Amino acid sequence: MSNTNNDTSDIKKAAEQADSQRIEKNLQENKPVDAPEELSEEEQTSFINDELRTDK
């Protein structure tokens, strides 16, 4: 269940903290849309334990 009051508050906080210069820079970059973005070691998280997979 979601609480719409909290959702609105979170959206409002995000909008207030948005960095317009960073957003503009990100929009100007010519990143290939179909290529995966390189992740830092911290961002590389295995969501599926390969030992538990049954689809192999």
N, C-alpha and C. Protein backbone atom coordinates (compact mmCIF):
# COMPACT_ATOMS: atom_id res chain seq x y z
N MET A 1 0.83 -1.19 0.00
CA MET A 1 0.00 0.00 0.00
C MET A 1 0.87 1.24 0.00
N SER A 2 0.47 2.21 -0.75
CA SER A 2 1.22 3.46 -0.77
C SER A 2 0.37 4.56 -0.15
N ASN A 3 1.05 5.47 0.45
CA ASN A 3 0.38 6.61 1.07
C ASN A 3 0.61 7.81 0.15
N THR A 4 -0.45 8.35 -0.42
CA THR A 4 -0.30 9.43 -1.39
C THR A 4 0.31 10.67 -0.77
N ASN A 5 0.09 10.90 0.51
CA ASN A 5 0.70 12.05 1.17
C ASN A 5 2.21 11.94 1.15
N ASN A 6 2.73 10.76 1.45
CA ASN A 6 4.18 10.56 1.43
C ASN A 6 4.72 10.65 0.01
N ASP A 7 3.98 10.10 -0.95
CA ASP A 7 4.42 10.16 -2.35
C ASP A 7 4.54 11.61 -2.79
N THR A 8 3.53 12.42 -2.47
CA THR A 8 3.54 13.82 -2.87
C THR A 8 4.71 14.55 -2.20
N SER A 9 4.94 14.24 -0.94
CA SER A 9 6.03 14.87 -0.21
C SER A 9 7.37 14.50 -0.83
N ASP A 10 7.56 13.22 -1.17
CA ASP A 10 8.81 12.77 -1.79
C ASP A 10 9.03 13.44 -3.14
N ILE A 11 7.98 13.55 -3.91
CA ILE A 11 8.07 14.19 -5.23
C ILE A 11 8.42 15.66 -5.07
N LYS A 12 7.80 16.30 -4.10
CA LYS A 12 8.06 17.71 -3.85
C LYS A 12 9.52 17.91 -3.42
N LYS A 13 10.02 17.05 -2.53
CA LYS A 13 11.42 17.15 -2.09
C LYS A 13 12.37 16.97 -3.27
N ALA A 14 12.09 15.99 -4.11
CA ALA A 14 12.95 15.72 -5.25
C ALA A 14 12.96 16.91 -6.21
N ALA A 15 11.81 17.49 -6.43
CA ALA A 15 11.72 18.65 -7.32
C ALA A 15 12.47 19.84 -6.75
N GLU A 16 12.38 20.03 -5.44
CA GLU A 16 13.07 21.15 -4.81
C GLU A 16 14.59 20.97 -4.83
N GLN A 17 15.04 19.72 -4.80
CA GLN A 17 16.47 19.44 -4.74
C GLN A 17 17.09 19.21 -6.12
N ALA A 18 16.29 19.29 -7.16
CA ALA A 18 16.80 19.05 -8.51
C ALA A 18 17.84 20.09 -8.89
N ASP A 19 18.91 19.65 -9.50
CA ASP A 19 19.99 20.54 -9.94
C ASP A 19 19.81 20.79 -11.43
N SER A 20 19.28 21.96 -11.78
CA SER A 20 18.95 22.25 -13.17
C SER A 20 20.17 22.20 -14.07
N GLN A 21 21.33 22.61 -13.57
CA GLN A 21 22.54 22.59 -14.39
C GLN A 21 22.96 21.15 -14.70
N ARG A 22 22.84 20.28 -13.71
CA ARG A 22 23.21 18.88 -13.93
C ARG A 22 22.22 18.22 -14.89
N ILE A 23 20.94 18.54 -14.74
CA ILE A 23 19.93 17.99 -15.64
C ILE A 23 20.21 18.44 -17.07
N GLU A 24 20.52 19.72 -17.25
CA GLU A 24 20.82 20.24 -18.58
C GLU A 24 22.04 19.53 -19.17
N LYS A 25 23.09 19.33 -18.36
CA LYS A 25 24.29 18.65 -18.83
C LYS A 25 23.96 17.22 -19.26
N ASN A 26 23.16 16.52 -18.46
CA ASN A 26 22.79 15.15 -18.79
C ASN A 26 21.99 15.08 -20.08
N LEU A 27 21.15 16.07 -20.31
CA LEU A 27 20.35 16.08 -21.53
C LEU A 27 21.18 16.39 -22.77
N GLN A 28 22.28 17.13 -22.60
CA GLN A 28 23.11 17.50 -23.73
C GLN A 28 24.06 16.39 -24.15
N GLU A 29 24.37 15.49 -23.24
CA GLU A 29 25.31 14.42 -23.57
C GLU A 29 24.69 13.49 -24.61
N ASN A 30 25.51 13.05 -25.54
CA ASN A 30 25.05 12.12 -26.57
C ASN A 30 25.37 10.70 -26.14
N LYS A 31 24.59 10.22 -25.21
CA LYS A 31 24.78 8.85 -24.74
C LYS A 31 24.01 7.91 -25.66
N PRO A 32 24.62 6.80 -26.06
CA PRO A 32 23.86 5.83 -26.84
C PRO A 32 22.74 5.24 -25.98
N VAL A 33 21.54 5.31 -26.48
CA VAL A 33 20.39 4.89 -25.69
C VAL A 33 20.34 3.38 -25.52
N ASP A 34 20.78 2.65 -26.52
CA ASP A 34 20.65 1.20 -26.46
C ASP A 34 21.86 0.51 -25.83
N ALA A 35 22.86 1.27 -25.41
CA ALA A 35 24.04 0.68 -24.78
C ALA A 35 23.90 0.78 -23.26
N PRO A 36 24.28 -0.28 -22.56
CA PRO A 36 24.20 -0.21 -21.10
C PRO A 36 25.21 0.77 -20.53
N GLU A 37 24.83 1.45 -19.49
CA GLU A 37 25.71 2.41 -18.84
C GLU A 37 26.65 1.67 -17.90
N GLU A 38 27.91 2.09 -17.87
CA GLU A 38 28.88 1.47 -16.97
C GLU A 38 28.49 1.77 -15.53
N LEU A 39 28.50 0.74 -14.69
CA LEU A 39 28.17 0.90 -13.29
C LEU A 39 29.43 0.86 -12.45
N SER A 40 29.39 1.59 -11.35
CA SER A 40 30.51 1.52 -10.41
C SER A 40 30.44 0.18 -9.69
N GLU A 41 31.51 -0.16 -9.00
CA GLU A 41 31.53 -1.43 -8.28
C GLU A 41 30.42 -1.47 -7.23
N GLU A 42 30.15 -0.33 -6.63
CA GLU A 42 29.10 -0.24 -5.62
C GLU A 42 27.72 -0.47 -6.24
N GLU A 43 27.54 -0.04 -7.50
CA GLU A 43 26.24 -0.18 -8.16
C GLU A 43 26.02 -1.57 -8.74
N GLN A 44 27.06 -2.33 -8.92
CA GLN A 44 26.93 -3.65 -9.52
C GLN A 44 26.45 -4.63 -8.47
N THR A 45 25.15 -4.85 -8.47
CA THR A 45 24.53 -5.73 -7.49
C THR A 45 23.89 -6.90 -8.21
N SER A 46 24.20 -8.07 -7.74
CA SER A 46 23.57 -9.25 -8.31
C SER A 46 22.20 -9.41 -7.67
N PHE A 47 21.17 -9.25 -8.46
CA PHE A 47 19.82 -9.37 -7.93
C PHE A 47 19.36 -10.82 -7.90
N ILE A 48 20.02 -11.65 -8.69
CA ILE A 48 19.66 -13.05 -8.76
C ILE A 48 20.88 -13.87 -8.41
N ASN A 49 20.75 -14.73 -7.44
CA ASN A 49 21.84 -15.62 -7.07
C ASN A 49 21.91 -16.72 -8.13
N ASP A 50 23.02 -16.78 -8.88
CA ASP A 50 23.14 -17.74 -9.97
C ASP A 50 22.99 -19.18 -9.50
N GLU A 51 23.38 -19.46 -8.28
CA GLU A 51 23.27 -20.84 -7.77
C GLU A 51 21.81 -21.24 -7.57
N LEU A 52 20.92 -20.28 -7.41
CA LEU A 52 19.52 -20.59 -7.17
C LEU A 52 18.65 -20.57 -8.43
N ARG A 53 19.25 -20.16 -9.54
CA ARG A 53 18.48 -20.04 -10.79
C ARG A 53 18.03 -21.41 -11.28
N THR A 54 16.82 -21.48 -11.77
CA THR A 54 16.28 -22.73 -12.31
C THR A 54 16.07 -22.65 -13.82
N ASP A 55 16.41 -21.52 -14.42
CA ASP A 55 16.15 -21.33 -15.85
C ASP A 55 17.37 -21.62 -16.71
N LYS A 56 18.41 -22.18 -16.14
CA LYS A 56 19.61 -22.47 -16.93
C LYS A 56 19.49 -23.82 -17.59
